[in-house]
PDB file of N, CA and C in Angstrom:
ATOM      1  N   MET A   1       0.825  -1.181   0.000  1.00  0.00           N
ATOM      2  CA  MET A   1       0.000   0.000   0.000  1.00  0.00           C
ATOM      3  C   MET A   1       0.874   1.251   0.000  1.00  0.00           C
ATOM      4  N   VAL A   2       1.882   1.253   0.858  1.00  0.00           N
ATOM      5  CA  VAL A   2       2.774   2.411   0.916  1.00  0.00           C
ATOM      6  C   VAL A   2       3.486   2.599  -0.418  1.00  0.00           C
ATOM      7  N   SER A   3       3.955   1.504  -1.004  1.00  0.00           N
ATOM      8  CA  SER A   3       4.651   1.608  -2.297  1.00  0.00           C
ATOM      9  C   SER A   3       3.741   2.188  -3.372  1.00  0.00           C
ATOM     10  N   ALA A   4       2.504   1.729  -3.405  1.00  0.00           N
ATOM     11  CA  ALA A   4       1.556   2.219  -4.417  1.00  0.00           C
ATOM     12  C   ALA A   4       1.281   3.707  -4.231  1.00  0.00           C
ATOM     13  N   LEU A   5       1.030   4.132  -3.007  1.00  0.00           N
ATOM     14  CA  LEU A   5       0.759   5.548  -2.745  1.00  0.00           C
ATOM     15  C   LEU A   5       1.994   6.403  -3.011  1.00  0.00           C
ATOM     16  N   ALA A   6       3.165   5.892  -2.640  1.00  0.00           N
ATOM     17  CA  ALA A   6       4.401   6.647  -2.870  1.00  0.00           C
ATOM     18  C   ALA A   6       4.654   6.833  -4.362  1.00  0.00           C
ATOM     19  N   ARG A   7       4.359   5.804  -5.158  1.00  0.00           N
ATOM     20  CA  ARG A   7       4.538   5.922  -6.610  1.00  0.00           C
ATOM     21  C   ARG A   7       3.626   6.998  -7.192  1.00  0.00           C
ATOM     22  N   LEU A   8       2.398   7.084  -6.661  1.00  0.00           N
ATOM     23  CA  LEU A   8       1.468   8.106  -7.147  1.00  0.00           C
ATOM     24  C   LEU A   8       1.934   9.507  -6.771  1.00  0.00           C
ATOM     25  N   GLY A   9       2.453   9.646  -5.562  1.00  0.00           N
ATOM     26  CA  GLY A   9       2.926  10.939  -5.083  1.00  0.00           C
ATOM     27  C   GLY A   9       1.807  11.762  -4.468  1.00  0.00           C
ATOM     28  N   PRO A  10       2.166  12.687  -3.575  1.00  0.00           N
ATOM     29  CA  PRO A  10       1.165  13.464  -2.845  1.00  0.00           C
ATOM     30  C   PRO A  10       0.346  14.413  -3.711  1.00  0.00           C
ATOM     31  N   GLY A  11       0.822  14.716  -4.911  1.00  0.00           N
ATOM     32  CA  GLY A  11       0.080  15.613  -5.791  1.00  0.00           C
ATOM     33  C   GLY A  11      -0.929  14.908  -6.676  1.00  0.00           C
ATOM     34  N   HIS A  12      -1.028  13.600  -6.547  1.00  0.00           N
ATOM     35  CA  HIS A  12      -1.951  12.825  -7.385  1.00  0.00           C
ATOM     36  C   HIS A  12      -3.403  13.163  -7.031  1.00  0.00           C
ATOM     37  N   ALA A  13      -4.270  13.060  -8.014  1.00  0.00           N
ATOM     38  CA  ALA A  13      -5.694  13.374  -7.820  1.00  0.00           C
ATOM     39  C   ALA A  13      -6.342  12.509  -6.746  1.00  0.00           C
ATOM     40  N   LEU A  14      -5.803  11.317  -6.503  1.00  0.00           N
ATOM     41  CA  LEU A  14      -6.377  10.443  -5.474  1.00  0.00           C
ATOM     42  C   LEU A  14      -6.398  11.133  -4.117  1.00  0.00           C
ATOM     43  N   ARG A  15      -5.362  11.884  -3.803  1.00  0.00           N
ATOM     44  CA  ARG A  15      -5.314  12.547  -2.501  1.00  0.00           C
ATOM     45  C   ARG A  15      -6.505  13.480  -2.320  1.00  0.00           C
ATOM     46  N   GLY A  16      -6.922  14.110  -3.388  1.00  0.00           N
ATOM     47  CA  GLY A  16      -8.038  15.047  -3.313  1.00  0.00           C
ATOM     48  C   GLY A  16      -9.376  14.415  -2.996  1.00  0.00           C
ATOM     49  N   ILE A  17      -9.514  13.121  -3.233  1.00  0.00           N
ATOM     50  CA  ILE A  17     -10.794  12.469  -2.936  1.00  0.00           C
ATOM     51  C   ILE A  17     -10.764  11.689  -1.624  1.00  0.00           C
ATOM     52  N   LEU A  18      -9.588  11.635  -0.992  1.00  0.00           N
ATOM     53  CA  LEU A  18      -9.511  10.968   0.302  1.00  0.00           C
ATOM     54  C   LEU A  18     -10.098  11.867   1.385  1.00  0.00           C
ATOM     55  N   LYS A  19     -10.583  11.233   2.422  1.00  0.00           N
ATOM     56  CA  LYS A  19     -11.199  11.952   3.534  1.00  0.00           C
ATOM     57  C   LYS A  19     -10.124  12.569   4.429  1.00  0.00           C
ATOM     58  N   GLU A  20     -10.400  13.784   4.890  1.00  0.00           N
ATOM     59  CA  GLU A  20      -9.500  14.387   5.868  1.00  0.00           C
ATOM     60  C   GLU A  20      -9.661  13.631   7.177  1.00  0.00           C
ATOM     61  N   PHE A  21      -8.562  13.165   7.718  1.00  0.00           N
ATOM     62  CA  PHE A  21      -8.563  12.433   8.982  1.00  0.00           C
ATOM     63  C   PHE A  21      -8.228  13.438  10.071  1.00  0.00           C
ATOM     64  N   THR A  22      -9.205  13.755  10.898  1.00  0.00           N
ATOM     65  CA  THR A  22      -8.999  14.771  11.929  1.00  0.00           C
ATOM     66  C   THR A  22      -8.339  14.155  13.155  1.00  0.00           C
ATOM     67  N   LEU A  23      -7.339  14.828  13.653  1.00  0.00           N
ATOM     68  CA  LEU A  23      -6.640  14.363  14.841  1.00  0.00           C
ATOM     69  C   LEU A  23      -7.368  14.884  16.074  1.00  0.00           C
ATOM     70  N   ARG A  24      -7.281  14.104  17.145  1.00  0.00           N
ATOM     71  CA  ARG A  24      -8.043  14.398  18.358  1.00  0.00           C
ATOM     72  C   ARG A  24      -7.127  14.493  19.568  1.00  0.00           C
ATOM     73  N   ASP A  25      -7.621  15.178  20.614  1.00  0.00           N
ATOM     74  CA  ASP A  25      -6.856  15.270  21.850  1.00  0.00           C
ATOM     75  C   ASP A  25      -7.095  14.020  22.699  1.00  0.00           C
ATOM     76  N   ALA A  26      -6.507  13.983  23.888  1.00  0.00           N
ATOM     77  CA  ALA A  26      -6.604  12.811  24.760  1.00  0.00           C
ATOM     78  C   ALA A  26      -8.037  12.504  25.178  1.00  0.00           C
ATOM     79  N   ASN A  27      -8.917  13.500  25.119  1.00  0.00           N
ATOM     80  CA  ASN A  27     -10.321  13.300  25.481  1.00  0.00           C
ATOM     81  C   ASN A  27     -11.195  12.958  24.281  1.00  0.00           C
ATOM     82  N   GLY A  28     -10.581  12.832  23.118  1.00  0.00           N
ATOM     83  CA  GLY A  28     -11.337  12.475  21.924  1.00  0.00           C
ATOM     84  C   GLY A  28     -11.936  13.650  21.177  1.00  0.00           C
ATOM     85  N   LYS A  29     -11.629  14.865  21.611  1.00  0.00           N
ATOM     86  CA  LYS A  29     -12.171  16.050  20.937  1.00  0.00           C
ATOM     87  C   LYS A  29     -11.300  16.418  19.738  1.00  0.00           C
ATOM     88  N   VAL A  30     -11.956  16.831  18.657  1.00  0.00           N
ATOM     89  CA  VAL A  30     -11.243  17.240  17.449  1.00  0.00           C
ATOM     90  C   VAL A  30     -10.327  18.415  17.769  1.00  0.00           C
ATOM     91  N   MET A  31      -9.087  18.311  17.316  1.00  0.00           N
ATOM     92  CA  MET A  31      -8.111  19.382  17.522  1.00  0.00           C
ATOM     93  C   MET A  31      -8.145  20.289  16.295  1.00  0.00           C
ATOM     94  N   GLN A  32      -8.751  21.454  16.453  1.00  0.00           N
ATOM     95  CA  GLN A  32      -8.824  22.418  15.361  1.00  0.00           C
ATOM     96  C   GLN A  32      -7.419  22.913  15.017  1.00  0.00           C
ATOM     97  N   ASN A  33      -7.147  23.092  13.748  1.00  0.00           N
ATOM     98  CA  ASN A  33      -5.865  23.629  13.283  1.00  0.00           C
ATOM     99  C   ASN A  33      -4.659  22.809  13.733  1.00  0.00           C
ATOM    100  N   HIS A  34      -4.815  21.485  13.774  1.00  0.00           N
ATOM    101  CA  HIS A  34      -3.675  20.629  14.124  1.00  0.00           C
ATOM    102  C   HIS A  34      -2.587  20.839  13.071  1.00  0.00           C
ATOM    103  N   PRO A  35      -1.322  20.899  13.475  1.00  0.00           N
ATOM    104  CA  PRO A  35      -0.260  21.177  12.506  1.00  0.00           C
ATOM    105  C   PRO A  35       0.020  20.045  11.512  1.00  0.00           C
ATOM    106  N   VAL A  36      -0.514  18.858  11.761  1.00  0.00           N
ATOM    107  CA  VAL A  36      -0.339  17.738  10.838  1.00  0.00           C
ATOM    108  C   VAL A  36      -1.635  17.554  10.058  1.00  0.00           C
ATOM    109  N   GLN A  37      -1.539  17.579   8.734  1.00  0.00           N
ATOM    110  CA  GLN A  37      -2.711  17.370   7.876  1.00  0.00           C
ATOM    111  C   GLN A  37      -2.668  15.936   7.363  1.00  0.00           C
ATOM    112  N   VAL A  38      -3.809  15.238   7.467  1.00  0.00           N
ATOM    113  CA  VAL A  38      -3.880  13.844   7.037  1.00  0.00           C
ATOM    114  C   VAL A  38      -5.057  13.669   6.083  1.00  0.00           C
ATOM    115  N   ASP A  39      -4.782  13.068   4.930  1.00  0.00           N
ATOM    116  CA  ASP A  39      -5.811  12.693   3.965  1.00  0.00           C
ATOM    117  C   ASP A  39      -5.675  11.191   3.786  1.00  0.00           C
ATOM    118  N   ALA A  40      -6.718  10.440   4.160  1.00  0.00           N
ATOM    119  CA  ALA A  40      -6.565   8.991   4.196  1.00  0.00           C
ATOM    120  C   ALA A  40      -7.879   8.262   3.965  1.00  0.00           C
ATOM    121  N   LYS A  41      -7.749   6.985   3.710  1.00  0.00           N
ATOM    122  CA  LYS A  41      -8.886   6.077   3.593  1.00  0.00           C
ATOM    123  C   LYS A  41      -8.866   5.184   4.813  1.00  0.00           C
ATOM    124  N   THR A  42     -10.011   5.092   5.459  1.00  0.00           N
ATOM    125  CA  THR A  42     -10.136   4.228   6.627  1.00  0.00           C
ATOM    126  C   THR A  42     -10.812   2.926   6.230  1.00  0.00           C
ATOM    127  N   GLY A  43     -10.656   1.945   7.072  1.00  0.00           N
ATOM    128  CA  GLY A  43     -11.356   0.681   6.889  1.00  0.00           C
ATOM    129  C   GLY A  43     -11.483   0.003   8.236  1.00  0.00           C
ATOM    130  N   THR A  44     -12.675  -0.481   8.541  1.00  0.00           N
ATOM    131  CA  THR A  44     -12.897  -1.117   9.830  1.00  0.00           C
ATOM    132  C   THR A  44     -13.776  -2.344   9.666  1.00  0.00           C
ATOM    133  N   LEU A  45     -13.348  -3.426  10.269  1.00  0.00           N
ATOM    134  CA  LEU A  45     -14.131  -4.649  10.423  1.00  0.00           C
ATOM    135  C   LEU A  45     -14.050  -5.006  11.895  1.00  0.00           C
ATOM    136  N   ASN A  46     -14.721  -6.045  12.307  1.00  0.00           N
ATOM    137  CA  ASN A  46     -14.631  -6.461  13.700  1.00  0.00           C
ATOM    138  C   ASN A  46     -13.190  -6.824  14.042  1.00  0.00           C
ATOM    139  N   PHE A  47     -12.599  -6.062  14.954  1.00  0.00           N
ATOM    140  CA  PHE A  47     -11.241  -6.264  15.446  1.00  0.00           C
ATOM    141  C   PHE A  47     -10.180  -6.142  14.353  1.00  0.00           C
ATOM    142  N   VAL A  48     -10.474  -5.369  13.323  1.00  0.00           N
ATOM    143  CA  VAL A  48      -9.527  -5.040  12.254  1.00  0.00           C
ATOM    144  C   VAL A  48      -9.741  -3.573  11.896  1.00  0.00           C
ATOM    145  N   SER A  49      -8.642  -2.829  11.748  1.00  0.00           N
ATOM    146  CA  SER A  49      -8.751  -1.423  11.388  1.00  0.00           C
ATOM    147  C   SER A  49      -7.577  -1.045  10.491  1.00  0.00           C
ATOM    148  N   SER A  50      -7.841  -0.158   9.543  1.00  0.00           N
ATOM    149  CA  SER A  50      -6.762   0.295   8.664  1.00  0.00           C
ATOM    150  C   SER A  50      -6.909   1.786   8.384  1.00  0.00           C
ATOM    151  N   LEU A  51      -5.787   2.389   8.090  1.00  0.00           N
ATOM    152  CA  LEU A  51      -5.738   3.796   7.712  1.00  0.00           C
ATOM    153  C   LEU A  51      -4.537   3.945   6.782  1.00  0.00           C
ATOM    154  N   ALA A  52      -4.773   4.459   5.591  1.00  0.00           N
ATOM    155  CA  ALA A  52      -3.681   4.622   4.627  1.00  0.00           C
ATOM    156  C   ALA A  52      -3.887   5.907   3.844  1.00  0.00           C
ATOM    157  N   GLY A  53      -2.796   6.613   3.594  1.00  0.00           N
ATOM    158  CA  GLY A  53      -2.898   7.841   2.825  1.00  0.00           C
ATOM    159  C   GLY A  53      -1.646   8.677   2.912  1.00  0.00           C
ATOM    160  N   TRP A  54      -1.844   9.991   2.840  1.00  0.00           N
ATOM    161  CA  TRP A  54      -0.751  10.948   2.895  1.00  0.00           C
ATOM    162  C   TRP A  54      -0.934  11.844   4.110  1.00  0.00           C
ATOM    163  N   MET A  55       0.169  12.305   4.635  1.00  0.00           N
ATOM    164  CA  MET A  55       0.152  13.293   5.705  1.00  0.00           C
ATOM    165  C   MET A  55       1.160  14.378   5.357  1.00  0.00           C
ATOM    166  N   THR A  56       0.869  15.582   5.809  1.00  0.00           N
ATOM    167  CA  THR A  56       1.798  16.692   5.643  1.00  0.00           C
ATOM    168  C   THR A  56       2.226  17.134   7.032  1.00  0.00           C
ATOM    169  N   ALA A  57       3.523  17.036   7.294  1.00  0.00           N
ATOM    170  CA  ALA A  57       4.078  17.412   8.592  1.00  0.00           C
ATOM    171  C   ALA A  57       4.084  18.935   8.727  1.00  0.00           C
ATOM    172  N   PRO A  58       4.266  19.435   9.945  1.00  0.00           N
ATOM    173  CA  PRO A  58       4.263  20.884  10.156  1.00  0.00           C
ATOM    174  C   PRO A  58       5.270  21.647   9.293  1.00  0.00           C
ATOM    175  N   ASP A  59       6.384  21.002   8.925  1.00  0.00           N
ATOM    176  CA  ASP A  59       7.385  21.691   8.104  1.00  0.00           C
ATOM    177  C   ASP A  59       7.088  21.601   6.610  1.00  0.00           C
ATOM    178  N   GLY A  60       5.949  20.969   6.246  1.00  0.00           N
ATOM    179  CA  GLY A  60       5.557  20.857   4.848  1.00  0.00           C
ATOM    180  C   GLY A  60       5.966  19.560   4.174  1.00  0.00           C
ATOM    181  N   THR A  61       6.692  18.704   4.888  1.00  0.00           N
ATOM    182  CA  THR A  61       7.109  17.423   4.325  1.00  0.00           C
ATOM    183  C   THR A  61       5.900  16.519   4.135  1.00  0.00           C
ATOM    184  N   ASP A  62       5.745  15.984   2.926  1.00  0.00           N
ATOM    185  CA  ASP A  62       4.676  15.023   2.655  1.00  0.00           C
ATOM    186  C   ASP A  62       5.194  13.619   2.910  1.00  0.00           C
ATOM    187  N   LEU A  63       4.413  12.849   3.629  1.00  0.00           N
ATOM    188  CA  LEU A  63       4.755  11.465   3.948  1.00  0.00           C
ATOM    189  C   LEU A  63       3.588  10.571   3.565  1.00  0.00           C
ATOM    190  N   VAL A  64       3.894   9.363   3.134  1.00  0.00           N
ATOM    191  CA  VAL A  64       2.866   8.378   2.837  1.00  0.00           C
ATOM    192  C   VAL A  64       2.915   7.326   3.944  1.00  0.00           C
ATOM    193  N   PHE A  65       1.766   6.766   4.283  1.00  0.00           N
ATOM    194  CA  PHE A  65       1.726   5.784   5.365  1.00  0.00           C
ATOM    195  C   PHE A  65       0.598   4.786   5.141  1.00  0.00           C
ATOM    196  N   ALA A  66       0.712   3.655   5.801  1.00  0.00           N
ATOM    197  CA  ALA A  66      -0.361   2.655   5.850  1.00  0.00           C
ATOM    198  C   ALA A  66      -0.255   1.956   7.194  1.00  0.00           C
ATOM    199  N   ILE A  67      -1.359   1.908   7.901  1.00  0.00           N
ATOM    200  CA  ILE A  67      -1.406   1.272   9.215  1.00  0.00           C
ATOM    201  C   ILE A  67      -2.509   0.222   9.185  1.00  0.00           C
ATOM    202  N   PHE A  68      -2.149  -1.002   9.515  1.00  0.00           N
ATOM    203  CA  PHE A  68      -3.124  -2.088   9.595  1.00  0.00           C
ATOM    204  C   PHE A  68      -3.003  -2.714  10.975  1.00  0.00           C
ATOM    205  N   THR A  69      -4.105  -2.756  11.707  1.00  0.00           N
ATOM    206  CA  THR A  69      -4.114  -3.390  13.020  1.00  0.00           C
ATOM    207  C   THR A  69      -5.202  -4.449  13.037  1.00  0.00           C
ATOM    208  N   GLY A  70      -4.965  -5.501  13.803  1.00  0.00           N
ATOM    209  CA  GLY A  70      -5.976  -6.545  13.887  1.00  0.00           C
ATOM    210  C   GLY A  70      -5.708  -7.502  15.026  1.00  0.00           C
ATOM    211  N   ASP A  71      -6.762  -8.059  15.531  1.00  0.00           N
ATOM    212  CA  ASP A  71      -6.697  -9.123  16.531  1.00  0.00           C
ATOM    213  C   ASP A  71      -7.407 -10.318  15.910  1.00  0.00           C
ATOM    214  N   VAL A  72      -6.653 -11.093  15.137  1.00  0.00           N
ATOM    215  CA  VAL A  72      -7.231 -12.190  14.359  1.00  0.00           C
ATOM    216  C   VAL A  72      -7.863 -13.241  15.259  1.00  0.00           C
ATOM    217  N   ALA A  73      -7.206 -13.588  16.350  1.00  0.00           N
ATOM    218  CA  ALA A  73      -7.756 -14.606  17.249  1.00  0.00           C
ATOM    219  C   ALA A  73      -9.099 -14.156  17.822  1.00  0.00           C
ATOM    220  N   ARG A  74      -9.165 -12.913  18.210  1.00  0.00           N
ATOM    221  CA  ARG A  74     -10.420 -12.394  18.771  1.00  0.00           C
ATOM    222  C   ARG A  74     -11.504 -12.330  17.698  1.00  0.00           C
ATOM    223  N   ARG A  75     -11.125 -11.934  16.499  1.00  0.00           N
ATOM    224  CA  ARG A  75     -12.077 -11.877  15.385  1.00  0.00           C
ATOM    225  C   ARG A  75     -12.607 -13.266  15.061  1.00  0.00           C
ATOM    226  N   ASP A  76     -11.716 -14.247  15.009  1.00  0.00           N
ATOM    227  CA  ASP A  76     -12.122 -15.617  14.694  1.00  0.00           C
ATOM    228  C   ASP A  76     -13.029 -16.223  15.760  1.00  0.00           C
ATOM    229  N   ALA A  77     -12.940 -15.708  16.986  1.00  0.00           N
ATOM    230  CA  ALA A  77     -13.721 -16.267  18.092  1.00  0.00           C
ATOM    231  C   ALA A  77     -15.121 -15.669  18.222  1.00  0.00           C
ATOM    232  N   ILE A  78     -15.494 -14.718  17.373  1.00  0.00           N
ATOM    233  CA  ILE A  78     -16.809 -14.079  17.477  1.00  0.00           C
ATOM    234  C   ILE A  78     -17.886 -15.070  17.035  1.00  0.00           C
ATOM    235  N   PRO A  79     -18.849 -15.366  17.914  1.00  0.00           N
ATOM    236  CA  PRO A  79     -19.962 -16.235  17.510  1.00  0.00           C
ATOM    237  C   PRO A  79     -20.807 -15.550  16.429  1.00  0.00           C
ATOM    238  N   ASP A  80     -21.408 -16.327  15.561  1.00  0.00           N
ATOM    239  CA  ASP A  80     -22.223 -15.772  14.474  1.00  0.00           C
ATOM    240  C   ASP A  80     -23.281 -14.800  14.982  1.00  0.00           C
ATOM    241  N   ALA A  81     -23.881 -15.098  16.116  1.00  0.00           N
ATOM    242  CA  ALA A  81     -24.950 -14.261  16.662  1.00  0.00           C
ATOM    243  C   ALA A  81     -24.446 -12.877  17.088  1.00  0.00           C
ATOM    244  N   GLN A  82     -23.135 -12.721  17.249  1.00  0.00           N
ATOM    245  CA  GLN A  82     -22.577 -11.444  17.707  1.00  0.00           C
ATOM    246  C   GLN A  82     -21.739 -10.750  16.635  1.00  0.00           C
ATOM    247  N   LYS A  83     -21.796 -11.222  15.406  1.00  0.00           N
ATOM    248  CA  LYS A  83     -20.951 -10.672  14.336  1.00  0.00           C
ATOM    249  C   LYS A  83     -21.198  -9.179  14.088  1.00  0.00           C
ATOM    250  N   GLU A  84     -22.435  -8.715  14.239  1.00  0.00           N
ATOM    251  CA  GLU A  84     -22.737  -7.310  13.950  1.00  0.00           C
ATOM    252  C   GLU A  84     -22.145  -6.358  14.977  1.00  0.00           C
ATOM    253  N   GLN A  85     -22.223  -6.703  16.252  1.00  0.00           N
ATOM    254  CA  GLN A  85     -21.682  -5.849  17.314  1.00  0.00           C
ATOM    255  C   GLN A  85     -21.075  -6.735  18.395  1.00  0.00           C
ATOM    256  N   PRO A  86     -19.876  -7.239  18.157  1.00  0.00           N
ATOM    257  CA  PRO A  86     -19.272  -8.135  19.141  1.00  0.00           C
ATOM    258  C   PRO A  86     -18.880  -7.396  20.416  1.00  0.00           C
ATOM    259  N   PRO A  87     -18.970  -8.061  21.549  1.00  0.00           N
ATOM    260  CA  PRO A  87     -18.556  -7.438  22.803  1.00  0.00           C
ATOM    261  C   PRO A  87     -17.094  -6.990  22.720  1.00  0.00           C
ATOM    262  N   GLY A  88     -16.845  -5.772  23.137  1.00  0.00           N
ATOM    263  CA  GLY A  88     -15.490  -5.239  23.134  1.00  0.00           C
ATOM    264  C   GLY A  88     -15.048  -4.635  21.814  1.00  0.00           C
ATOM    265  N   GLY A  89     -15.854  -4.771  20.782  1.00  0.00           N
ATOM    266  CA  GLY A  89     -15.460  -4.284  19.457  1.00  0.00           C
ATOM    267  C   GLY A  89     -15.284  -2.780  19.390  1.00  0.00           C
ATOM    268  N   ALA A  90     -16.213  -2.045  19.962  1.00  0.00           N
ATOM    269  CA  ALA A  90     -16.145  -0.578  19.899  1.00  0.00           C
ATOM    270  C   ALA A  90     -14.918  -0.046  20.641  1.00  0.00           C
ATOM    271  N   GLU A  91     -14.633  -0.599  21.799  1.00  0.00           N
ATOM    272  CA  GLU A  91     -13.461  -0.159  22.566  1.00  0.00           C
ATOM    273  C   GLU A  91     -12.175  -0.524  21.829  1.00  0.00           C
ATOM    274  N   TRP A  92     -12.153  -1.679  21.181  1.00  0.00           N
ATOM    275  CA  TRP A  92     -10.981  -2.081  20.411  1.00  0.00           C
ATOM    276  C   TRP A  92     -10.714  -1.071  19.288  1.00  0.00           C
ATOM    277  N   VAL A  93     -11.762  -0.648  18.599  1.00  0.00           N
ATOM    278  CA  VAL A  93     -11.608   0.333  17.516  1.00  0.00           C
ATOM    279  C   VAL A  93     -11.088   1.657  18.066  1.00  0.00           C
ATOM    280  N   ARG A  94     -11.584   2.089  19.214  1.00  0.00           N
ATOM    281  CA  ARG A  94     -11.101   3.340  19.822  1.00  0.00           C
ATOM    282  C   ARG A  94      -9.597   3.257  20.105  1.00  0.00           C
ATOM    283  N   ARG A  95      -9.161   2.126  20.653  1.00  0.00           N
ATOM    284  CA  ARG A  95      -7.730   1.959  20.937  1.00  0.00           C
ATOM    285  C   ARG A  95      -6.909   1.948  19.646  1.00  0.00           C
ATOM    286  N   SER A  96      -7.432   1.293  18.632  1.00  0.00           N
ATOM    287  CA  SER A  96      -6.728   1.238  17.350  1.00  0.00           C
ATOM    288  C   SER A  96      -6.591   2.633  16.747  1.00  0.00           C
ATOM    289  N   LYS A  97      -7.643   3.420  16.805  1.00  0.00           N
ATOM    290  CA  LYS A  97      -7.599   4.781  16.265  1.00  0.00           C
ATOM    291  C   LYS A  97      -6.628   5.661  17.057  1.00  0.00           C
ATOM    292  N   ARG A  98      -6.559   5.458  18.376  1.00  0.00           N
ATOM    293  CA  ARG A  98      -5.579   6.197  19.182  1.00  0.00           C
ATOM    294  C   ARG A  98      -4.159   5.836  18.746  1.00  0.00           C
ATOM    295  N   LEU A  99      -3.929   4.534  18.522  1.00  0.00           N
ATOM    296  CA  LEU A  99      -2.614   4.092  18.065  1.00  0.00           C
ATOM    297  C   LEU A  99      -2.284   4.709  16.707  1.00  0.00           C
ATOM    298  N   GLN A 100      -3.245   4.724  15.798  1.00  0.00           N
ATOM    299  CA  GLN A 100      -3.023   5.325  14.485  1.00  0.00           C
ATOM    300  C   GLN A 100      -2.594   6.782  14.623  1.00  0.00           C
ATOM    301  N   GLN A 101      -3.290   7.518  15.460  1.00  0.00           N
ATOM    302  CA  GLN A 101      -2.959   8.930  15.644  1.00  0.00           C
ATOM    303  C   GLN A 101      -1.577   9.088  16.265  1.00  0.00           C
ATOM    304  N   GLN A 102      -1.262   8.269  17.253  1.00  0.00           N
ATOM    305  CA  GLN A 102       0.052   8.357  17.887  1.00  0.00           C
ATOM    306  C   GLN A 102       1.165   8.094  16.874  1.00  0.00           C
ATOM    307  N   LEU A 103       0.960   7.112  16.006  1.00  0.00           N
ATOM    308  CA  LEU A 103       1.959   6.823  14.975  1.00  0.00           C
ATOM    309  C   LEU A 103       2.111   8.000  14.015  1.00  0.00           C
ATOM    310  N   ILE A 104       0.998   8.561  13.575  1.00  0.00           N
ATOM    311  CA  ILE A 104       1.042   9.704  12.654  1.00  0.00           C
ATOM    312  C   ILE A 104       1.786  10.878  13.285  1.00  0.00           C
ATOM    313  N   GLU A 105       1.460  11.197  14.522  1.00  0.00           N
ATOM    314  CA  GLU A 105       2.124  12.323  15.186  1.00  0.00           C
ATOM    315  C   GLU A 105       3.612  12.050  15.383  1.00  0.00           C
ATOM    316  N   ARG A 106       3.952  10.817  15.700  1.00  0.00           N
ATOM    317  CA  ARG A 106       5.361  10.452  15.879  1.00  0.00           C
ATOM    318  C   ARG A 106       6.122  10.570  14.559  1.00  0.00           C
ATOM    319  N   TRP A 107       5.544  10.017  13.494  1.00  0.00           N
ATOM    320  CA  TRP A 107       6.208  10.069  12.194  1.00  0.00           C
ATOM    321  C   TRP A 107       6.378  11.510  11.724  1.00  0.00           C
ATOM    322  N   ALA A 108       5.385  12.350  11.982  1.00  0.00           N
ATOM    323  CA  ALA A 108       5.494  13.766  11.598  1.00  0.00           C
ATOM    324  C   ALA A 108       6.646  14.426  12.343  1.00  0.00           C
ATOM    325  N   ALA A 109       6.797  14.093  13.624  1.00  0.00           N
ATOM    326  CA  ALA A 109       7.868  14.685  14.426  1.00  0.00           C
ATOM    327  C   ALA A 109       9.247  14.189  13.988  1.00  0.00           C
ATOM    328  N   VAL A 110       9.357  12.902  13.678  1.00  0.00           N
ATOM    329  CA  VAL A 110      10.654  12.319  13.340  1.00  0.00           C
ATOM    330  C   VAL A 110      11.064  12.598  11.896  1.00  0.00           C
ATOM    331  N   TYR A 111      10.136  12.401  10.957  1.00  0.00           N
ATOM    332  CA  TYR A 111      10.487  12.483   9.540  1.00  0.00           C
ATOM    333  C   TYR A 111      10.116  13.813   8.887  1.00  0.00           C
ATOM    334  N   GLY A 112       9.392  14.638   9.615  1.00  0.00           N
ATOM    335  CA  GLY A 112       8.962  15.900   9.034  1.00  0.00           C
ATOM    336  C   GLY A 112       9.701  17.090   9.593  1.00  0.00           C
ATOM    337  N   ALA A 113      10.825  16.836  10.206  1.00  0.00           N
ATOM    338  CA  ALA A 113      11.574  17.943  10.816  1.00  0.00           C
ATOM    339  C   ALA A 113      12.892  18.152  10.100  1.00  0.00           C
TER     340      ALA A 113
END
């Protein structure tokens, strides 16, 4: 995924149709005017989450990224009757999204300076 996006480059038309991924504070509130801009495609299944796209660091450096998280054992253990809303699924997604944001902010600090 990263190779494909990197080949296209940040100026490709695809970036323009990706959703802006808003970064949030520790309480989950949207951080207005965050110095890191993210345009990405999300994907979520039970105990699986992905985020891939481009980010622009505060210094203007464009970076491409792809993050895939999953708990395959937990996903495989979901009974058919609970497939739509498995216990613990919503909290798992919240943790995954926090991890995604932490990675994005870290990469912006390390590679965008």
